[in-house]
Amino acid sequence: MNKIYYLKTCSTCVRIIKSLQLPSNFVFQDIKEEEITVKQLEELYKLSGSYEALFSKRAKLYKEMGLKDMNLTEKDYKHYILEHYTFLSRPVIVFKNQIFIGNSAKTIELAKLAIHE
């Protein structure tokens, strides 16, 4: 399934989605309105190879909760992503068993190339 996990209130996510010109077969999941499930997160883990890769260290709560000063494990990353949507790096784009995580220009360009090849 082709899917994008994002926040509809995030201007960066909205801009990226517009720039990607996604085909109509994409499923959109606003992670604030529809929380990511354990099963979904485990599927993303299989594609990415780690929970840390899916974890946003730019989230406000990361600093506020003192997580940046802790030595987090993969189990911790999974726990925090499931606990609060803000810890999922976004957008997360899943296309034909490929995963593109985050909003770096390089990541978005790779996703665009894969989707429109």
Protein backbone atom coordinates (compact mmCIF):
# COMPACT_ATOMS: atom_id res chain seq x y z
CA MET A 1 0.00 0.00 0.00
CA ASN A 2 1.20 3.49 -0.82
CA LYS A 3 0.78 5.64 2.25
CA ILE A 4 1.90 8.89 3.79
CA TYR A 5 1.98 9.61 7.52
CA TYR A 6 1.86 13.35 8.13
CA LEU A 7 0.29 16.23 10.03
CA LYS A 8 -2.26 18.28 8.12
CA THR A 9 -1.48 21.26 10.38
CA CYS A 10 2.22 21.15 9.47
CA SER A 11 3.00 23.60 6.67
CA THR A 12 6.15 21.65 5.76
CA CYS A 13 4.17 18.42 5.32
CA VAL A 14 1.51 20.20 3.25
CA ARG A 15 4.16 21.81 1.04
CA ILE A 16 5.94 18.49 0.52
CA ILE A 17 2.72 16.66 -0.33
CA LYS A 18 1.87 19.29 -2.95
CA SER A 19 5.35 19.11 -4.45
CA LEU A 20 5.24 15.31 -4.70
CA GLN A 21 2.13 15.30 -6.90
CA LEU A 22 1.06 11.98 -5.40
CA PRO A 23 -1.02 9.53 -7.42
CA SER A 24 -4.63 8.99 -6.32
CA ASN A 25 -3.83 5.55 -4.89
CA PHE A 26 -2.03 7.07 -1.89
CA VAL A 27 -3.62 6.74 1.55
CA PHE A 28 -3.14 9.72 3.85
CA GLN A 29 -2.99 9.36 7.62
CA ASP A 30 -2.94 12.47 9.77
CA ILE A 31 -1.14 11.05 12.79
CA LYS A 32 -2.69 13.59 15.15
CA GLU A 33 -6.26 12.60 14.23
CA GLU A 34 -5.57 8.89 13.68
CA GLU A 35 -2.77 7.70 15.93
CA ILE A 36 -0.21 5.31 14.53
CA THR A 37 -0.86 1.74 15.69
CA VAL A 38 1.66 -0.76 16.99
CA LYS A 39 1.17 -2.83 13.82
CA GLN A 40 1.74 0.19 11.55
CA LEU A 41 4.86 1.21 13.46
CA GLU A 42 6.23 -2.33 13.28
CA GLU A 43 5.65 -2.31 9.49
CA LEU A 44 7.56 0.98 9.23
CA TYR A 45 10.32 -0.55 11.35
CA LYS A 46 10.64 -3.48 8.94
CA LEU A 47 11.10 -1.04 6.05
CA SER A 48 13.44 1.37 7.85
CA GLY A 49 15.47 -1.07 9.94
CA SER A 50 15.25 0.94 13.15
CA TYR A 51 12.89 2.88 15.37
CA GLU A 52 15.54 5.53 15.82
CA ALA A 53 15.35 6.32 12.09
CA LEU A 54 11.62 6.98 12.53
CA PHE A 55 12.11 9.09 15.67
CA SER A 56 12.18 12.88 15.49
CA LYS A 57 14.90 14.38 17.63
CA ARG A 58 13.62 17.80 16.57
CA ALA A 59 10.38 17.39 18.53
CA LYS A 60 9.90 19.93 21.31
CA LEU A 61 9.08 17.17 23.77
CA TYR A 62 12.44 15.53 23.07
CA LYS A 63 14.18 18.38 24.87
CA GLU A 64 11.37 19.17 27.33
CA MET A 65 11.29 15.59 28.64
CA GLY A 66 15.09 15.48 28.90
CA LEU A 67 15.30 12.65 26.37
CA LYS A 68 18.23 14.28 24.61
CA ASP A 69 20.30 13.66 27.74
CA MET A 70 19.37 9.97 27.91
CA ASN A 71 20.81 6.98 26.12
CA LEU A 72 17.65 5.73 24.39
CA THR A 73 17.27 2.17 23.11
CA GLU A 74 15.23 0.93 20.15
CA LYS A 75 12.54 -0.11 22.66
CA ASP A 76 12.50 3.46 24.03
CA TYR A 77 12.17 5.00 20.57
CA LYS A 78 9.24 2.69 19.80
CA HIS A 79 7.59 3.53 23.13
CA TYR A 80 7.85 7.30 22.66
CA ILE A 81 6.61 7.23 19.05
CA LEU A 82 3.54 5.31 20.18
CA GLU A 83 3.09 7.58 23.21
CA HIS A 84 2.95 10.87 21.29
CA TYR A 85 2.58 11.60 17.57
CA THR A 86 5.15 14.37 17.67
CA PHE A 87 7.95 11.82 18.02
CA LEU A 88 7.37 10.37 14.55
CA SER A 89 9.64 12.06 12.05
CA ARG A 90 7.45 13.34 9.24
CA PRO A 91 6.36 12.95 6.68
CA VAL A 92 6.86 9.20 6.36
CA ILE A 93 6.18 8.08 2.81
CA VAL A 94 5.73 4.42 1.99
CA PHE A 95 5.77 3.60 -1.71
CA LYS A 96 6.07 0.07 -3.13
CA ASN A 97 7.90 -1.30 -0.07
CA GLN A 98 10.28 1.68 -0.01
CA ILE A 99 10.28 4.14 2.87
CA PHE A 100 11.21 7.82 2.88
CA ILE A 101 11.46 9.42 6.31
CA GLY A 102 11.57 13.11 7.10
CA ASN A 103 11.62 16.34 5.20
CA SER A 104 15.20 16.76 4.03
CA ALA A 105 15.50 17.92 0.42
CA LYS A 106 17.44 14.77 -0.47
CA THR A 107 14.79 12.46 1.01
CA ILE A 108 11.96 14.26 -0.75
CA GLU A 109 13.81 14.22 -4.06
CA LEU A 110 14.42 10.46 -3.75
CA ALA A 111 10.73 9.93 -2.98
CA LYS A 112 9.72 12.04 -5.96
CA LEU A 113 12.02 10.06 -8.27
CA ALA A 114 10.68 6.73 -6.99
CA ILE A 115 7.02 7.77 -7.28
CA HIS A 116 7.34 9.27 -10.77
CA GLU A 117 9.84 6.89 -12.39
